[in-house]
């Protein structure tokens, strides 16, 4: 059983919607810069569970928070540090956008992240954290948290081992003088006002030293995040919300939030879905480091269906690792094609179920199944200007391709070109050498190349014909297969590896192939 179906079944068996009608699914992301692709796993897991519930006729709604209220705690490496250092410590909504046309920093990068959601077919209802605070919806929870700050301090100590002094309050005020929130510490709630001092210097933020008192309502500050997490469940009426496995360990942030929800807010925590990380090249890196690690970078490599496969194809307790600079990209396309072939052959199992969920929601009922040319072959052909992609696709299929298949192969070519231009490793990059490279060929290699030139003279030979002749030459010359193919790749591509030799040679201009083979056979 696919993990999404299993989780949906567990929810239906163990939970009832709080409002008696609709399960509320929630996820969030703090928009502190370009969002790492790892955050898309949560988007996809929550979205797919919603799709599985909907398929069973179970009403559900998916809300996604753009967190624009957390502090701007570091400057991403791709931004001008001098321009942004004065904003360190401010709420994200108060940091200017890197580009004109956006209200603030969080809106700029949030818009990019939302576009990736939409491409992958996940369309939750969005809200901003500032909306919850400024509307006053958080005020009752803030009051409760401040009045019961002693209980929250106790929970932190008992559950996570974190000790806070008796003056500590689970609230961060925005300094009225410098506008920073990361530099303040709050104390002394008198029922209406909170005292604070702007004197902390975390992560290079410069405090102004101001002290004052502020009414902690309507967005003048925010709750300590573990208390805030529990409060957001209450305000939104959340039924289902998972998170990365690091949050769900014993004593972790989810454990703390669960205790605060039950003991302080009298609220049963949502159904949890702990999941493993999405790695890039084996690393859980931030999107400010590492080429190809942002959600947008990764989504630009795949059509929606293959991108969804990358996000949902593994069990949620398994890591996902995609390295754009290795062979992960062609392997993902191969995996998708294998699923499609299984469905075409009539399979009704977890493979066909996964293929169904790879499709955009609007296509899941009809399941489009166009024949597709392998990504590796497309990536080679688009580097050969003398080859027609559609002709080569028909040759690979063995029959005329339909208009739907023409669109599919041209779409795949678009992604292949982008990958080749950005991340593809050297082994996938091919360029026909216009003059004969120095190849250091053995006598056996030259003899085989000369015999191949004689075979190709006259009528143009097909890839199948050349392929068959190469296998004959291995016995006639004799020559080891590796030596024979290596010689062909060296004289045409200047390297020791390449595509299927017979079809490669058949696709090159006829006279060019004969001349190059003859030159190489006579090379001193």
Protein backbone atom coordinates (compact mmCIF):
# COMPACT_ATOMS: atom_id res chain seq x y z
CA UNK A 1 0.00 0.00 0.00
CA UNK A 2 1.33 3.42 -0.95
CA UNK A 3 2.26 5.52 2.10
CA UNK A 4 -0.32 8.23 1.35
CA UNK A 5 -3.16 5.68 1.33
CA UNK A 6 -1.87 4.11 4.54
CA UNK A 7 -1.67 7.46 6.35
CA UNK A 8 -5.09 8.56 5.10
CA UNK A 9 -6.49 5.26 6.42
CA UNK A 10 -4.87 5.82 9.83
CA UNK A 11 -6.35 9.31 10.03
CA UNK A 12 -9.85 8.12 9.21
CA UNK A 13 -9.61 5.32 11.79
CA UNK A 14 -8.20 7.40 14.64
CA UNK A 15 -9.45 10.96 14.17
CA UNK A 16 -12.60 12.97 13.63
CA UNK A 17 -12.54 16.52 12.21
CA UNK A 18 -12.64 19.05 15.04
CA UNK A 19 -15.46 20.93 13.40
CA UNK A 20 -17.26 17.66 12.64
CA UNK A 21 -17.04 18.26 8.89
CA UNK A 22 -13.63 18.91 7.36
CA UNK A 23 -10.10 17.80 8.27
CA UNK A 24 -7.79 20.83 8.41
CA UNK A 25 -4.28 20.05 7.12
CA UNK A 26 -1.57 22.64 7.75
CA UNK A 27 2.07 23.23 6.84
CA UNK A 28 4.33 26.27 6.95
CA UNK A 29 7.67 27.71 5.92
CA UNK A 30 9.69 30.62 7.30
CA UNK A 31 10.67 32.63 4.22
CA UNK A 32 14.19 33.70 5.19
CA UNK A 33 15.53 33.51 1.64
CA UNK A 34 15.37 31.24 -1.38
CA UNK A 35 13.62 28.11 -0.08
CA UNK A 36 15.50 24.81 -0.06
CA UNK A 37 13.92 21.96 -2.02
CA UNK A 38 13.72 19.99 1.25
CA UNK A 39 10.75 22.13 2.25
CA UNK A 40 8.87 20.81 -0.77
CA UNK A 41 8.73 17.36 0.81
CA UNK A 42 6.41 18.67 3.53
CA UNK A 43 4.32 20.49 0.93
CA UNK A 44 3.99 17.28 -1.10
CA UNK A 45 3.32 14.95 1.85
CA UNK A 46 0.54 17.12 3.25
CA UNK A 47 -0.86 17.70 -0.23
CA UNK A 48 -0.84 14.03 -1.18
CA UNK A 49 -2.51 12.96 2.07
CA UNK A 50 -5.22 15.49 1.21
CA UNK A 51 -5.55 14.00 -2.28
CA UNK A 52 -5.84 10.49 -0.83
CA UNK A 53 -8.53 11.62 1.64
CA UNK A 54 -10.45 13.41 -1.11
CA UNK A 55 -10.38 10.28 -3.25
CA UNK A 56 -12.14 8.48 -0.38
CA UNK A 57 -14.75 11.23 -0.20
CA UNK A 58 -13.32 12.61 3.06
CA UNK A 59 -13.64 16.41 3.19
CA UNK A 60 -10.37 18.20 3.89
CA UNK A 61 -8.77 21.61 3.48
CA UNK A 62 -5.07 22.41 3.18
CA UNK A 63 -3.71 25.67 4.62
CA UNK A 64 -0.13 26.82 4.17
CA UNK A 65 1.53 29.52 6.23
CA UNK A 66 4.03 31.92 4.71
CA UNK A 67 5.90 32.82 7.88
CA UNK A 68 6.83 36.47 7.42
CA UNK A 69 7.16 37.32 11.12
CA UNK A 70 10.23 35.36 12.23
CA UNK A 71 13.43 37.40 12.57
CA UNK A 72 15.83 37.96 9.69
CA UNK A 73 18.66 36.06 11.37
CA UNK A 74 21.25 35.69 8.60
CA UNK A 75 22.05 37.11 5.17
CA UNK A 76 22.02 34.53 2.36
CA UNK A 77 25.32 34.29 0.52
CA UNK A 78 23.77 35.35 -2.79
CA UNK A 79 22.75 38.79 -1.42
CA UNK A 80 24.79 41.94 -0.83
CA UNK A 81 25.69 41.74 2.87
CA UNK A 82 26.35 45.47 3.10
CA UNK A 83 22.87 46.25 1.82
CA UNK A 84 21.09 43.92 4.23
CA UNK A 85 23.17 43.91 7.43
CA UNK A 86 21.25 46.83 8.94
CA UNK A 87 18.08 44.70 8.76
CA UNK A 88 19.45 41.75 10.74
CA UNK A 89 17.15 41.04 13.68
CA UNK A 90 14.05 42.66 12.19
CA UNK A 91 10.88 40.68 11.41
CA UNK A 92 11.03 39.37 7.84
CA UNK A 93 8.08 41.53 6.78
CA UNK A 94 10.16 44.61 7.71
CA UNK A 95 13.12 43.63 5.50
CA UNK A 96 13.03 45.12 1.98
CA UNK A 97 12.60 42.92 -1.06
CA UNK A 98 15.81 42.16 -3.03
CA UNK A 99 13.92 43.23 -6.17
CA UNK A 100 11.32 45.95 -6.76
CA UNK A 101 7.66 45.01 -7.07
CA UNK A 102 7.25 43.12 -3.80
CA UNK A 103 6.07 44.36 -0.42
CA UNK A 104 8.99 42.85 1.49
CA UNK A 105 11.65 40.15 1.67
CA UNK A 106 9.24 37.35 2.60
CA UNK A 107 6.83 38.21 -0.22
CA UNK A 108 9.61 38.12 -2.82
CA UNK A 109 10.93 34.67 -1.91
CA UNK A 110 7.49 33.44 -0.89
CA UNK A 111 6.17 34.18 -4.38
CA UNK A 112 8.95 32.05 -5.89
CA UNK A 113 8.16 29.18 -3.51
CA UNK A 114 4.42 29.34 -4.18
CA UNK A 115 5.11 29.14 -7.93
CA UNK A 116 6.95 25.84 -7.34
CA UNK A 117 3.95 24.51 -5.35
CA UNK A 118 1.63 25.35 -8.23
CA UNK A 119 3.86 23.75 -10.84
CA UNK A 120 3.87 20.52 -8.81
CA UNK A 121 0.07 20.61 -8.55
CA UNK A 122 -0.20 21.52 -4.85
CA UNK A 123 -2.55 24.43 -4.25
CA UNK A 124 -3.19 25.05 -0.55
CA UNK A 125 -4.91 28.15 0.74
CA UNK A 126 -2.18 30.59 1.79
CA UNK A 127 -2.04 32.97 4.70
CA UNK A 128 0.69 35.10 6.29
CA UNK A 129 1.66 34.80 9.93
CA UNK A 130 1.37 38.58 10.29
CA UNK A 131 -2.33 38.20 9.47
CA UNK A 132 -2.87 35.98 12.53
CA UNK A 133 -1.14 38.45 14.82
CA UNK A 134 -2.38 41.76 13.44
CA UNK A 135 -5.98 40.55 13.26
CA UNK A 136 -5.93 39.84 17.00
CA UNK A 137 -6.60 36.11 16.51
CA UNK A 138 -3.46 35.27 18.43
CA UNK A 139 -4.18 37.64 21.33
CA UNK A 140 -6.11 35.15 23.54
CA UNK A 141 -3.32 32.59 23.12
CA UNK A 142 -0.66 35.22 23.88
CA UNK A 143 -2.48 36.15 27.09
CA UNK A 144 -2.74 32.51 28.15
CA UNK A 145 0.93 31.87 27.36
CA UNK A 146 2.05 34.93 29.33
CA UNK A 147 -0.20 34.18 32.30
CA UNK A 148 1.05 30.59 32.36
CA UNK A 149 4.67 31.29 31.50
CA UNK A 150 5.70 29.32 34.58
CA UNK A 151 4.07 26.20 33.12
CA UNK A 152 5.83 26.75 29.81
CA UNK A 153 9.18 27.12 31.58
CA UNK A 154 8.46 23.89 33.46
CA UNK A 155 7.55 22.04 30.23
CA UNK A 156 10.74 23.24 28.54
CA UNK A 157 12.82 21.93 31.43
CA UNK A 158 10.99 18.62 31.82
CA UNK A 159 10.59 17.78 28.14
CA UNK A 160 13.69 19.22 26.46
CA UNK A 161 16.04 20.04 29.33
CA UNK A 162 16.04 23.74 28.47
CA UNK A 163 16.10 25.98 31.55
CA UNK A 164 14.80 29.55 31.59
CA UNK A 165 15.14 31.99 34.47
CA UNK A 166 12.01 33.05 36.33
CA UNK A 167 11.82 36.41 34.56
CA UNK A 168 11.72 34.81 31.08
CA UNK A 169 8.49 35.17 29.13
CA UNK A 170 7.53 33.19 25.98
CA UNK A 171 7.20 36.43 24.01
CA UNK A 172 9.50 38.53 21.83
CA UNK A 173 8.58 42.20 21.59
CA UNK A 174 9.49 44.34 18.59
CA UNK A 175 11.74 47.16 19.78
CA UNK A 176 9.86 50.44 19.39
CA UNK A 177 13.11 52.28 18.68
CA UNK A 178 15.07 50.08 16.21
CA UNK A 179 12.32 47.76 14.95
CA UNK A 180 14.24 44.58 15.76
CA UNK A 181 12.73 41.50 17.37
CA UNK A 182 15.70 39.15 17.65
CA UNK A 183 17.58 41.50 19.99
CA UNK A 184 14.87 41.90 22.64
CA UNK A 185 14.10 39.96 25.81
CA UNK A 186 10.73 40.26 27.52
CA UNK A 187 9.84 40.17 31.23
CA UNK A 188 7.23 41.37 33.75
CA UNK A 189 3.78 40.88 32.25
CA UNK A 190 1.33 42.86 34.42
CA UNK A 191 -1.82 41.67 32.68
CA UNK A 192 -1.76 44.32 29.98
CA UNK A 193 1.84 45.34 29.30
CA UNK A 194 5.15 43.53 28.87
CA UNK A 195 8.52 45.01 29.80
CA UNK A 196 11.37 44.47 27.35
CA UNK A 197 14.99 45.44 26.80
CA UNK A 198 16.78 45.53 23.45
CA UNK A 199 20.15 44.28 24.62
CA UNK A 200 20.78 40.87 22.99
CA UNK A 201 23.32 40.35 20.18
CA UNK A 202 22.63 36.96 18.54
CA UNK A 203 24.14 36.20 15.14
CA UNK A 204 25.63 39.64 14.62
CA UNK A 205 22.45 41.64 15.21
CA UNK A 206 23.18 44.97 16.89
CA UNK A 207 20.80 45.95 19.73
CA UNK A 208 20.01 49.58 20.34
CA UNK A 209 19.81 49.31 24.14
CA UNK A 210 16.28 50.70 24.39
CA UNK A 211 14.00 49.57 27.23
CA UNK A 212 10.26 49.99 27.36
CA UNK A 213 6.85 48.48 27.89
CA UNK A 214 4.40 47.39 25.21
CA UNK A 215 0.93 45.90 25.04
CA UNK A 216 1.63 42.44 23.50
CA UNK A 217 -1.37 42.46 21.17
CA UNK A 218 -2.09 42.95 17.47
CA UNK A 219 1.42 42.17 16.23
CA UNK A 220 3.63 44.25 18.56
CA UNK A 221 5.59 41.06 19.09
CA UNK A 222 5.30 37.30 18.75
CA UNK A 223 5.29 34.16 20.87
CA UNK A 224 8.36 32.03 21.49
CA UNK A 225 8.22 29.63 18.57
CA UNK A 226 7.46 26.35 20.36
CA UNK A 227 4.56 28.00 22.17
CA UNK A 228 3.63 29.74 18.93
CA UNK A 229 3.49 26.41 17.08
CA UNK A 230 0.95 25.08 19.58
CA UNK A 231 -1.00 28.36 19.48
CA UNK A 232 -1.23 28.22 15.68
CA UNK A 233 -2.80 24.76 15.90
CA UNK A 234 -5.48 26.21 18.16
CA UNK A 235 -6.14 29.33 16.06
CA UNK A 236 -6.36 27.37 12.80
CA UNK A 237 -8.18 24.34 14.23
CA UNK A 238 -5.51 22.03 12.81
CA UNK A 239 -6.27 18.30 12.56
CA UNK A 240 -3.24 17.07 10.60
CA UNK A 241 0.30 18.46 10.56
CA UNK A 242 3.57 16.62 10.11
CA UNK A 243 7.17 17.76 10.17
CA UNK A 244 10.75 16.71 9.61
CA UNK A 245 11.97 13.83 11.78
CA UNK A 246 14.30 16.16 13.72
CA UNK A 247 11.24 17.95 15.14
CA UNK A 248 9.52 14.73 16.22
CA UNK A 249 12.27 13.17 18.33
CA UNK A 250 11.78 12.75 22.08
CA UNK A 251 12.42 16.14 23.66
CA UNK A 252 12.30 17.83 20.26
CA UNK A 253 10.28 20.86 19.28
CA UNK A 254 7.17 18.85 18.35
CA UNK A 255 7.28 17.07 21.71
CA UNK A 256 7.49 20.43 23.51
CA UNK A 257 4.69 21.93 21.38
CA UNK A 258 2.51 18.88 22.07
CA UNK A 259 2.89 19.35 25.83
CA UNK A 260 2.20 23.09 25.61
CA UNK A 261 -0.89 22.43 23.48
CA UNK A 262 -2.33 19.93 25.98
CA UNK A 263 -1.25 21.47 29.27
CA UNK A 264 -1.44 25.20 28.55
CA UNK A 265 -4.01 25.56 25.74
CA UNK A 266 -6.11 22.45 26.52
CA UNK A 267 -5.84 21.30 22.89
CA UNK A 268 -5.12 17.82 21.55
CA UNK A 269 -2.19 18.10 19.08
CA UNK A 270 -2.77 17.33 15.40
CA UNK A 271 -2.11 13.95 13.79
CA UNK A 272 1.66 13.88 13.24
CA UNK A 273 3.45 12.73 10.08
CA UNK A 274 7.21 12.63 10.80
CA UNK A 275 9.25 12.39 7.60
CA UNK A 276 12.86 12.07 6.50
CA UNK A 277 14.92 14.75 4.79
CA UNK A 278 15.31 15.64 1.12
CA UNK A 279 19.05 15.75 0.49
CA UNK A 280 20.98 17.32 -2.38
CA UNK A 281 24.07 15.36 -3.24
CA UNK A 282 23.96 13.59 0.13
CA UNK A 283 23.79 16.82 2.14
CA UNK A 284 21.05 18.63 4.04
CA UNK A 285 22.33 22.02 2.93
CA UNK A 286 20.69 25.41 3.03
CA UNK A 287 19.56 26.87 -0.26
CA UNK A 288 22.04 29.73 0.18
CA UNK A 289 24.78 27.13 -0.43
CA UNK A 290 25.11 24.45 -3.03
CA UNK A 291 24.11 24.80 -6.64
CA UNK A 292 20.73 23.34 -7.46
CA UNK A 293 19.51 23.09 -3.87
CA UNK A 294 16.59 25.53 -3.97
CA UNK A 295 13.03 24.43 -4.65
CA UNK A 296 12.99 26.47 -7.86
CA UNK A 297 16.35 25.12 -9.06
CA UNK A 298 15.16 21.56 -8.60
CA UNK A 299 11.73 22.10 -10.13
CA UNK A 300 13.34 23.66 -13.22
CA UNK A 301 14.94 20.27 -13.97
CA UNK A 302 11.71 18.30 -14.26
CA UNK A 303 8.20 18.41 -15.69
CA UNK A 304 5.54 18.38 -12.92
CA UNK A 305 5.01 14.60 -13.05
CA UNK A 306 8.69 13.71 -12.59
CA UNK A 307 9.13 16.41 -9.94
CA UNK A 308 6.21 14.91 -8.02
CA UNK A 309 7.87 11.50 -8.28
CA UNK A 310 11.05 12.94 -6.75
CA UNK A 311 9.00 14.28 -3.84
CA UNK A 312 6.61 11.38 -3.18
CA UNK A 313 8.26 8.27 -4.62
CA UNK A 314 9.99 7.14 -1.44
CA UNK A 315 8.45 6.04 1.83
CA UNK A 316 8.25 9.01 4.19
CA UNK A 317 10.75 7.35 6.57
CA UNK A 318 13.31 7.14 3.75
CA UNK A 319 15.62 9.94 2.71
CA UNK A 320 15.39 11.39 -0.78
CA UNK A 321 18.73 12.27 -2.37
CA UNK A 322 18.96 14.03 -5.72
CA UNK A 323 22.29 15.32 -7.04
CA UNK A 324 21.76 17.47 -10.15
CA UNK A 325 25.46 17.24 -10.95
CA UNK A 326 25.41 13.42 -11.00
CA UNK A 327 23.20 10.88 -12.71
CA UNK A 328 20.20 11.40 -10.37
CA UNK A 329 18.33 13.39 -12.99
CA UNK A 330 18.35 10.76 -15.79
CA UNK A 331 17.66 8.03 -13.22
CA UNK A 332 14.53 9.83 -12.03
CA UNK A 333 13.27 10.06 -15.61
CA UNK A 334 14.02 6.34 -16.07
CA UNK A 335 12.07 5.54 -12.90
CA UNK A 336 9.08 7.51 -14.14
CA UNK A 337 9.22 5.75 -17.52
CA UNK A 338 9.33 2.35 -15.79
CA UNK A 339 6.18 3.25 -13.84
CA UNK A 340 4.47 4.34 -17.05
CA UNK A 341 5.43 1.12 -18.81
CA UNK A 342 4.07 -0.93 -15.91
CA UNK A 343 0.74 0.90 -16.17
CA UNK A 344 0.67 0.43 -19.96
CA UNK A 345 1.14 -3.30 -19.43
CA UNK A 346 -1.93 -3.39 -17.19
CA UNK A 347 -0.32 -3.52 -13.75
CA UNK A 348 -2.60 -2.65 -10.84
CA UNK A 349 -0.32 -2.37 -7.82
CA UNK A 350 1.76 0.14 -5.85
CA UNK A 351 3.58 1.07 -9.07
CA UNK A 352 0.37 2.04 -10.84
CA UNK A 353 -0.82 3.84 -7.69
CA UNK A 354 2.40 5.83 -7.53
CA UNK A 355 2.13 6.68 -11.23
CA UNK A 356 -1.40 7.94 -10.61
CA UNK A 357 -0.23 10.26 -7.84
CA UNK A 358 2.63 11.50 -10.04
CA UNK A 359 0.03 13.07 -12.31
CA UNK A 360 -1.41 16.49 -11.59
CA UNK A 361 -4.72 16.17 -9.70
CA UNK A 362 -6.74 17.13 -12.76
CA UNK A 363 -5.14 14.28 -14.79
CA UNK A 364 -5.38 11.45 -12.26
CA UNK A 365 -8.73 10.18 -13.50
CA UNK A 366 -7.60 9.83 -17.13
CA UNK A 367 -3.92 8.83 -16.61
CA UNK A 368 -2.11 10.08 -19.73
CA UNK A 369 0.35 7.45 -21.00
CA UNK A 370 2.25 8.81 -24.01
CA UNK A 371 5.27 6.83 -25.18
CA UNK A 372 8.45 8.61 -24.13
CA UNK A 373 11.98 8.53 -25.43
CA UNK A 374 14.55 7.89 -22.70
CA UNK A 375 15.92 11.06 -21.17
CA UNK A 376 19.52 9.97 -21.75
CA UNK A 377 18.87 9.54 -25.47
CA UNK A 378 17.11 12.89 -25.69
CA UNK A 379 20.01 14.54 -23.85
CA UNK A 380 22.40 13.14 -26.44
CA UNK A 381 20.32 14.01 -29.50
CA UNK A 382 19.81 17.65 -28.51
CA UNK A 383 23.61 18.01 -28.56
CA UNK A 384 23.77 16.76 -32.16
CA UNK A 385 22.57 19.62 -34.41
CA UNK A 386 22.50 17.34 -37.47
CA UNK A 387 19.93 15.02 -35.87
CA UNK A 388 16.16 15.50 -35.93
CA UNK A 389 14.68 14.77 -32.51
CA UNK A 390 11.34 13.66 -33.92
CA UNK A 391 12.96 11.38 -36.51
CA UNK A 392 15.18 9.81 -33.87
CA UNK A 393 12.17 9.36 -31.59
CA UNK A 394 10.30 7.49 -34.33
CA UNK A 395 13.36 5.36 -34.93
CA UNK A 396 13.55 4.54 -31.19
CA UNK A 397 9.83 3.77 -30.98
CA UNK A 398 9.81 1.77 -34.19
CA UNK A 399 6.70 3.50 -35.53
CA UNK A 400 5.19 6.92 -36.17
CA UNK A 401 4.84 9.03 -33.03
CA UNK A 402 1.53 10.71 -32.24
CA UNK A 403 1.05 14.43 -31.74
CA UNK A 404 0.84 13.83 -27.99
CA UNK A 405 4.17 11.99 -28.15
CA UNK A 406 5.72 14.80 -30.22
CA UNK A 407 4.76 17.25 -27.46
CA UNK A 408 6.10 14.87 -24.81
CA UNK A 409 9.49 14.37 -26.43
CA UNK A 410 9.90 18.09 -27.17
CA UNK A 411 9.00 18.86 -23.56
CA UNK A 412 11.62 16.41 -22.37
CA UNK A 413 14.15 18.03 -24.70
CA UNK A 414 13.52 21.39 -23.00
CA UNK A 415 14.45 19.93 -19.61
CA UNK A 416 17.41 18.02 -21.06
CA UNK A 417 18.88 21.21 -22.53
CA UNK A 418 18.48 23.03 -19.22
CA UNK A 419 20.18 20.21 -17.32
CA UNK A 420 23.04 20.04 -19.83
CA UNK A 421 23.56 23.81 -19.60
CA UNK A 422 23.56 23.92 -15.81
CA UNK A 423 24.46 20.78 -13.87
CA UNK A 424 25.13 17.75 -16.10
CA UNK A 425 28.44 15.97 -15.40
CA UNK A 426 31.09 15.63 -18.08
CA UNK A 427 30.07 12.07 -18.92
CA UNK A 428 26.78 13.33 -20.39
CA UNK A 429 28.28 16.14 -22.47
CA UNK A 430 29.02 15.29 -26.10
CA UNK A 431 30.53 17.38 -28.87
CA UNK A 432 31.46 15.94 -32.26
CA UNK A 433 35.06 16.86 -33.04
CA UNK A 434 35.29 18.60 -36.41
CA UNK A 435 38.91 17.51 -36.90
CA UNK A 436 40.46 14.17 -36.02
CA UNK A 437 41.72 14.26 -32.42
CA UNK A 438 44.95 12.54 -31.42
CA UNK A 439 43.61 9.16 -30.35
CA UNK A 440 46.67 6.90 -29.76
CA UNK A 441 45.06 3.90 -31.45
CA UNK A 442 46.40 0.36 -31.46
CA UNK A 443 46.92 -1.65 -34.62
CA UNK A 444 43.81 -3.71 -33.89
CA UNK A 445 41.72 -0.58 -33.43
CA UNK A 446 42.93 0.93 -36.73
CA UNK A 447 42.23 -2.34 -38.58
CA UNK A 448 38.68 -2.49 -37.19
CA UNK A 449 38.00 1.16 -38.07
CA UNK A 450 39.26 0.61 -41.63
CA UNK A 451 36.97 -2.42 -42.03
CA UNK A 452 34.05 -0.38 -40.69
CA UNK A 453 34.79 2.39 -43.25
CA UNK A 454 34.71 -0.19 -46.05
CA UNK A 455 31.35 -1.49 -44.76
CA UNK A 456 29.78 1.98 -44.68
CA UNK A 457 30.98 2.90 -48.22
CA UNK A 458 28.16 3.06 -50.72
CA UNK A 459 24.59 2.94 -49.46
CA UNK A 460 23.79 4.67 -46.17
CA UNK A 461 23.66 2.08 -43.40
CA UNK A 462 21.10 1.98 -40.59
CA UNK A 463 21.98 1.96 -36.91
CA UNK A 464 20.96 -1.69 -36.74
CA UNK A 465 23.24 -2.56 -39.68
CA UNK A 466 26.25 -0.80 -38.15
CA UNK A 467 25.54 -2.32 -34.75
CA UNK A 468 25.52 -5.82 -36.24
CA UNK A 469 28.74 -5.17 -38.19
CA UNK A 470 30.52 -3.94 -35.04
CA UNK A 471 29.75 -7.23 -33.33
CA UNK A 472 31.13 -9.12 -36.35
CA UNK A 473 34.33 -7.06 -36.28
CA UNK A 474 34.96 -8.06 -32.67
CA UNK A 475 35.45 -11.62 -33.89
CA UNK A 476 37.09 -10.92 -37.27
CA UNK A 477 39.77 -8.47 -36.15
CA UNK A 478 39.85 -9.77 -33.33
CA UNK A 479 39.44 -6.93 -30.82
CA UNK A 480 37.97 -6.57 -27.34
CA UNK A 481 34.56 -4.81 -27.38
CA UNK A 482 35.80 -2.08 -25.04
CA UNK A 483 38.76 -1.30 -27.35
CA UNK A 484 36.54 -1.12 -30.43
CA UNK A 485 33.95 1.23 -28.97
CA UNK A 486 36.62 3.31 -27.24
CA UNK A 487 38.31 3.90 -30.61
CA UNK A 488 35.04 5.13 -32.16
CA UNK A 489 34.31 7.51 -29.29
CA UNK A 490 37.87 8.87 -29.30
CA UNK A 491 37.94 9.78 -32.98
CA UNK A 492 34.47 11.29 -33.11
CA UNK A 493 33.98 12.72 -29.60
CA UNK A 494 37.49 12.99 -28.18
CA UNK A 495 36.59 10.83 -25.19
CA UNK A 496 36.43 7.18 -24.13
CA UNK A 497 32.67 6.75 -23.76
CA UNK A 498 29.53 7.68 -25.59
CA UNK A 499 26.07 6.63 -26.82
CA UNK A 500 25.14 3.44 -28.68
CA UNK A 501 27.79 3.43 -31.40
CA UNK A 502 25.74 2.02 -34.30
CA UNK A 503 22.93 4.54 -34.02
CA UNK A 504 25.37 7.36 -33.25
CA UNK A 505 27.32 6.76 -36.47
CA UNK A 506 24.15 6.30 -38.52
CA UNK A 507 22.97 9.72 -37.39
CA UNK A 508 26.11 11.54 -38.50
CA UNK A 509 26.61 12.76 -42.11
CA UNK A 510 27.52 9.76 -44.26
CA UNK A 511 30.61 11.19 -45.98
CA UNK A 512 31.88 12.67 -42.72
CA UNK A 513 31.79 9.24 -41.04
CA UNK A 514 33.63 7.51 -43.91
CA UNK A 515 36.33 10.20 -44.03
CA UNK A 516 36.89 10.18 -40.26
CA UNK A 517 37.08 6.37 -40.07
CA UNK A 518 39.53 6.25 -43.00
CA UNK A 519 41.72 9.00 -41.51
CA UNK A 520 41.85 7.24 -38.16
CA UNK A 521 42.67 3.87 -39.75
CA UNK A 522 45.67 5.44 -41.50
CA UNK A 523 46.80 7.58 -38.53
CA UNK A 524 50.51 7.20 -37.75
